[in-house]
C-alpha cells in the first residue's frame, strides 16, 4: 500500500491507497456524468478514510470527522488541482495502480 501525510483541517492526516480505495473509485467512475474534480475529491476522501483507519465507521454509515466537501475545500486551500500537493497525491495513486495492475506478459512464440 502507498501512503503519505497531508495537512488537513489543521492536523497531519494520512492518505493511504489500496484495493479498497481503488474499488470505491471504480464504482464512481462508472457513474454517468462523473467529473474530474469529483474524482479527485473522492480519491482524497477514500484515501483519508483508509489512511485514518475509518473504513469500519464509513461502512457502518457512522459520522466521520470529515466529508467529501472538506476534500473539495482542501484542494482549494492547497492551490487547486494544479498545485504541487494535489499533484503529489495524484502521482502516489498512479504509482499504486501501476504497481498493482497485472502486466500483460505474452510469451513470444519462436
Protein backbone atom coordinates (compact mmCIF):
# COMPACT_ATOMS: atom_id res chain seq x y z
CA UNK A 1 0.00 0.00 0.00
CA UNK A 2 1.04 3.55 -0.67
CA UNK A 3 0.62 6.31 1.86
CA UNK A 4 1.62 9.88 2.61
CA UNK A 5 0.84 12.62 5.12
CA UNK A 6 -1.04 15.83 4.39
CA UNK A 7 -2.12 18.80 6.48
CA UNK A 8 -5.92 18.51 6.54
CA UNK A 9 -8.24 20.54 8.76
CA UNK A 10 -5.21 21.88 10.61
CA UNK A 11 -3.85 18.44 11.51
CA UNK A 12 -1.50 15.93 9.98
CA UNK A 13 -3.56 13.15 8.39
CA UNK A 14 -2.60 10.00 6.50
CA UNK A 15 -3.79 9.23 3.00
CA UNK A 16 -3.37 5.60 2.05
CA UNK A 17 -4.16 3.89 -1.24
CA UNK A 18 -5.01 0.22 -1.56
CA UNK A 19 -7.52 -2.07 -3.24
CA UNK A 20 -10.39 -0.75 -1.11
CA UNK A 21 -9.81 2.81 -2.36
CA UNK A 22 -9.46 1.65 -5.96
CA UNK A 23 -12.69 -0.34 -5.70
CA UNK A 24 -14.60 2.69 -4.48
CA UNK A 25 -13.10 4.90 -7.18
CA UNK A 26 -14.05 2.34 -9.86
CA UNK A 27 -17.68 2.45 -8.68
CA UNK A 28 -17.73 6.23 -9.01
CA UNK A 29 -16.02 6.38 -12.39
CA UNK A 30 -18.68 4.12 -13.86
CA UNK A 31 -21.45 6.58 -12.97
CA UNK A 32 -22.69 8.82 -15.76
CA UNK A 33 -21.70 12.46 -15.51
CA UNK A 34 -18.88 11.97 -13.02
CA UNK A 35 -16.28 14.74 -13.47
CA UNK A 36 -12.54 15.05 -12.89
CA UNK A 37 -12.84 17.29 -9.83
CA UNK A 38 -15.31 14.88 -8.25
CA UNK A 39 -12.90 12.06 -8.96
CA UNK A 40 -10.03 13.92 -7.32
CA UNK A 41 -12.06 14.88 -4.24
CA UNK A 42 -13.26 11.27 -3.93
CA UNK A 43 -9.71 9.98 -4.24
CA UNK A 44 -8.69 12.17 -1.31
CA UNK A 45 -11.85 11.27 0.63
CA UNK A 46 -11.42 7.50 0.32
CA UNK A 47 -7.65 7.77 0.80
CA UNK A 48 -8.22 9.61 4.08
CA UNK A 49 -10.80 7.08 5.24
CA UNK A 50 -8.32 4.27 4.65
CA UNK A 51 -5.30 6.17 5.97
CA UNK A 52 -7.07 7.25 9.15
CA UNK A 53 -8.45 3.73 9.74
CA UNK A 54 -12.09 4.77 9.37
CA UNK A 55 -13.31 2.09 6.96
CA UNK A 56 -15.47 0.34 9.57
CA UNK A 57 -17.10 3.64 10.52
CA UNK A 58 -17.71 4.52 6.87
CA UNK A 59 -19.18 1.09 6.12
CA UNK A 60 -21.47 1.38 9.16
CA UNK A 61 -22.63 4.82 7.96
CA UNK A 62 -21.28 6.44 11.13
CA UNK A 63 -20.36 10.11 11.19
CA UNK A 64 -16.79 10.73 10.07
CA UNK A 65 -14.63 13.66 11.21
CA UNK A 66 -14.71 14.99 7.60
CA UNK A 67 -16.82 14.72 4.48
CA UNK A 68 -16.35 14.98 0.72
CA UNK A 69 -16.91 18.74 0.86
CA UNK A 70 -13.92 19.08 3.19
CA UNK A 71 -11.87 17.38 0.49
CA UNK A 72 -13.02 19.92 -2.12
CA UNK A 73 -12.05 22.68 0.34
CA UNK A 74 -8.62 21.10 0.87
CA UNK A 75 -7.99 21.09 -2.88
CA UNK A 76 -8.78 24.83 -2.98
CA UNK A 77 -6.71 25.56 0.16
CA UNK A 78 -3.54 23.98 -1.26
CA UNK A 79 -3.80 25.87 -4.54
CA UNK A 80 -6.19 23.91 -6.73
CA UNK A 81 -5.85 20.88 -8.94
CA UNK A 82 -2.52 22.01 -10.41
CA UNK A 83 -0.84 22.55 -7.03
CA UNK A 84 2.24 20.53 -6.10
CA UNK A 85 0.40 18.98 -3.14
CA UNK A 86 -2.52 17.75 -5.24
CA UNK A 87 -0.13 16.50 -7.92
CA UNK A 88 1.81 14.58 -5.26
CA UNK A 89 -1.40 12.78 -4.21
CA UNK A 90 -2.32 12.01 -7.82
CA UNK A 91 1.17 10.68 -8.54
CA UNK A 92 1.03 8.42 -5.49
CA UNK A 93 -2.32 6.98 -6.63
CA UNK A 94 -0.99 6.40 -10.15
CA UNK A 95 2.08 4.69 -8.70
CA UNK A 96 -0.18 2.48 -6.56
CA UNK A 97 -2.18 1.48 -9.63
CA UNK A 98 0.90 0.79 -11.74
CA UNK A 99 2.33 -1.49 -9.05
CA UNK A 100 -0.94 -3.37 -8.52
CA UNK A 101 -2.10 -3.95 -12.08
CA UNK A 102 -1.05 -7.23 -13.69
CA UNK A 103 1.24 -6.83 -16.68
CA UNK A 104 0.31 -8.40 -19.99
CA UNK A 105 3.23 -10.74 -20.43
CA UNK A 106 2.51 -12.75 -23.55
CA UNK A 107 5.04 -15.42 -24.29
CA UNK A 108 6.77 -14.96 -27.60
CA UNK A 109 6.49 -17.98 -29.82
CA UNK A 110 9.68 -18.99 -31.53
